[in-house]
Amino acid sequence: MLKPILLVEDNPHDLELTLIALSKSQLANEVVVARDGAEALDYLHRRGEFADRQQGSPAVILLDLKLPKVDGLEVLREIRNTEALKPVPVVMLTSSKEEQDVVRSYALGVNAYVVKPVDFNEFVRAIADLGIFWAVLNEPPPGSHRYIKPK
């Protein structure tokens, strides 16, 4: 079973566009959506409504920077401070071009920082390329497999 892609996005328009773009890339990975940082952390730590989800980490986390409840940088900080989550690739997918956001994201260990293109076709292409690279082409560290063993 393929590992899911965790998409953390609160903007309904950006969420819809990202889901369309991922479906156009024809990835077989399930896309799990979290609409704020707290929900993303619940998913990653298997607590709350996600307590019964299958064990394992996502193939990649597409993380918005500006989120309600817990912002993207705090989510990233917690991911990088949690031993089991450290190897998970995190792509900051945001509309912020602020230099301090880019610098802080990389300082906290983000794998890539992608500014959302305004043009729909560019956006679809960027998301498809991201999904294919991180979910299919990227070689994960030894011991963190691309697949989750079914129960």
Protein backbone atom coordinates (compact mmCIF):
# COMPACT_ATOMS: atom_id res chain seq x y z
CA MET A 1 0.00 0.00 0.00
CA LEU A 2 1.40 3.39 -1.01
CA LYS A 3 2.03 5.99 1.66
CA PRO A 4 -0.40 8.90 1.56
CA ILE A 5 0.40 12.51 0.76
CA LEU A 6 -0.54 14.87 3.60
CA LEU A 7 -1.83 18.18 2.26
CA VAL A 8 -2.12 20.90 4.91
CA GLU A 9 -4.09 23.81 3.45
CA ASP A 10 -6.77 26.08 4.93
CA ASN A 11 -7.70 28.11 1.84
CA PRO A 12 -10.64 26.33 0.11
CA HIS A 13 -9.65 27.69 -3.33
CA ASP A 14 -5.99 26.61 -3.01
CA LEU A 15 -7.09 23.27 -1.57
CA GLU A 16 -9.36 22.58 -4.54
CA LEU A 17 -6.67 23.61 -7.04
CA THR A 18 -4.06 21.44 -5.33
CA LEU A 19 -6.36 18.41 -5.29
CA ILE A 20 -7.15 18.93 -9.00
CA ALA A 21 -3.45 19.23 -9.78
CA LEU A 22 -2.57 16.10 -7.81
CA SER A 23 -5.32 14.13 -9.55
CA LYS A 24 -4.04 15.30 -12.95
CA SER A 25 -0.60 13.94 -12.06
CA GLN A 26 -2.24 10.50 -11.77
CA LEU A 27 -0.46 9.58 -8.56
CA ALA A 28 -1.90 6.49 -6.91
CA ASN A 29 -1.18 7.86 -3.42
CA GLU A 30 -4.17 8.77 -1.27
CA VAL A 31 -4.25 12.48 -0.41
CA VAL A 32 -5.12 13.22 3.21
CA VAL A 33 -6.25 16.80 3.86
CA ALA A 34 -5.71 18.73 7.09
CA ARG A 35 -7.24 22.21 7.18
CA ASP A 36 -5.11 23.65 9.98
CA GLY A 37 -1.84 22.98 11.75
CA ALA A 38 -3.44 21.33 14.79
CA GLU A 39 -5.29 18.84 12.57
CA ALA A 40 -2.04 18.07 10.73
CA LEU A 41 -0.26 17.34 14.01
CA ASP A 42 -3.16 15.16 15.16
CA TYR A 43 -2.85 13.17 11.95
CA LEU A 44 0.93 12.82 12.24
CA HIS A 45 0.79 11.79 15.92
CA ARG A 46 -2.27 9.54 15.43
CA ARG A 47 -4.44 11.29 18.00
CA GLY A 48 -7.96 12.69 18.16
CA GLU A 49 -10.00 11.78 15.08
CA PHE A 50 -6.88 10.10 13.60
CA ALA A 51 -6.14 7.83 16.58
CA ASP A 52 -7.27 4.77 14.61
CA ARG A 53 -5.50 5.54 11.35
CA GLN A 54 -3.00 3.06 9.99
CA GLN A 55 0.53 3.38 11.37
CA GLY A 56 3.19 5.03 9.26
CA SER A 57 4.19 8.44 8.03
CA PRO A 58 3.12 10.14 4.81
CA ALA A 59 5.27 9.95 1.67
CA VAL A 60 5.45 13.76 1.71
CA ILE A 61 3.82 16.66 3.54
CA LEU A 62 2.69 19.63 1.45
CA LEU A 63 2.47 22.32 4.12
CA ASP A 64 1.02 25.81 3.86
CA LEU A 65 2.84 28.46 5.87
CA LYS A 66 -0.06 30.60 7.09
CA LEU A 67 -2.45 28.27 8.92
CA PRO A 68 -5.04 28.69 11.68
CA LYS A 69 -4.48 27.25 15.16
CA VAL A 70 -0.85 26.18 14.60
CA ASP A 71 1.11 27.86 11.79
CA GLY A 72 3.19 25.99 9.23
CA LEU A 73 6.53 26.85 10.86
CA GLU A 74 5.36 25.42 14.20
CA VAL A 75 4.13 22.26 12.45
CA LEU A 76 7.50 21.97 10.71
CA ARG A 77 9.34 22.52 14.01
CA GLU A 78 7.37 19.72 15.68
CA ILE A 79 7.93 17.37 12.73
CA ARG A 80 11.69 17.93 12.86
CA ASN A 81 11.72 17.50 16.66
CA THR A 82 9.90 14.15 16.49
CA GLU A 83 12.29 11.29 15.81
CA ALA A 84 9.81 9.16 13.84
CA LEU A 85 8.83 12.11 11.60
CA LYS A 86 12.29 13.57 10.90
CA PRO A 87 12.82 11.62 7.64
CA VAL A 88 9.46 12.69 6.13
CA PRO A 89 9.96 15.17 3.28
CA VAL A 90 8.20 18.48 3.93
CA VAL A 91 7.49 20.92 1.12
CA MET A 92 6.38 24.39 2.18
CA LEU A 93 3.71 25.29 -0.38
CA THR A 94 2.79 28.90 0.17
CA SER A 95 1.99 32.23 -1.42
CA SER A 96 4.58 33.99 0.78
CA LYS A 97 7.70 35.27 -0.98
CA GLU A 98 8.91 36.92 2.24
CA GLU A 99 12.65 36.30 2.61
CA GLN A 100 12.28 35.71 6.36
CA ASP A 101 9.69 32.96 5.73
CA VAL A 102 12.03 31.21 3.28
CA VAL A 103 15.03 31.53 5.64
CA ARG A 104 13.08 30.35 8.71
CA SER A 105 11.61 27.40 6.80
CA TYR A 106 15.02 26.16 5.70
CA ALA A 107 16.49 26.80 9.16
CA LEU A 108 13.80 24.50 10.57
CA GLY A 109 14.59 21.76 8.05
CA VAL A 110 12.10 22.10 5.20
CA ASN A 111 13.08 20.05 2.12
CA ALA A 112 11.72 22.53 -0.42
CA TYR A 113 10.01 25.92 -0.45
CA VAL A 114 7.59 26.46 -3.32
CA VAL A 115 5.70 29.69 -3.94
CA LYS A 116 2.25 28.94 -5.35
CA PRO A 117 2.07 30.18 -8.94
CA VAL A 118 -0.82 32.52 -9.73
CA ASP A 119 -1.48 31.02 -13.18
CA PHE A 120 -3.68 27.89 -12.99
CA ASN A 121 -1.71 25.87 -15.58
CA GLU A 122 1.60 26.72 -13.89
CA PHE A 123 0.07 25.76 -10.54
CA VAL A 124 -1.14 22.39 -11.87
CA ARG A 125 2.27 21.69 -13.41
CA ALA A 126 4.13 22.68 -10.21
CA ILE A 127 1.93 20.48 -7.99
CA ALA A 128 2.12 17.53 -10.38
CA ASP A 129 5.91 17.81 -10.50
CA LEU A 130 6.08 18.04 -6.69
CA GLY A 131 3.85 15.02 -6.21
CA ILE A 132 5.72 12.87 -8.70
CA PHE A 133 9.13 13.86 -7.33
CA TRP A 134 8.43 13.38 -3.63
CA ALA A 135 6.00 10.46 -3.80
CA VAL A 136 7.62 8.48 -6.63
CA LEU A 137 11.13 9.57 -7.64
CA ASN A 138 12.68 10.64 -4.33
CA GLU A 139 14.57 7.83 -2.60
CA PRO A 140 13.64 7.90 1.11
CA PRO A 141 16.27 7.24 3.79
CA PRO A 142 16.96 3.58 4.62
CA GLY A 143 14.38 2.20 7.01
CA SER A 144 11.60 4.60 5.99
CA HIS A 145 9.86 2.71 3.24
CA ARG A 146 7.70 4.14 0.49
CA TYR A 147 4.98 1.63 1.34
CA ILE A 148 2.91 0.91 4.41
CA LYS A 149 2.41 -2.73 5.23
CA PRO A 150 -1.31 -3.50 5.36
CA LYS A 151 -2.65 -4.75 8.71
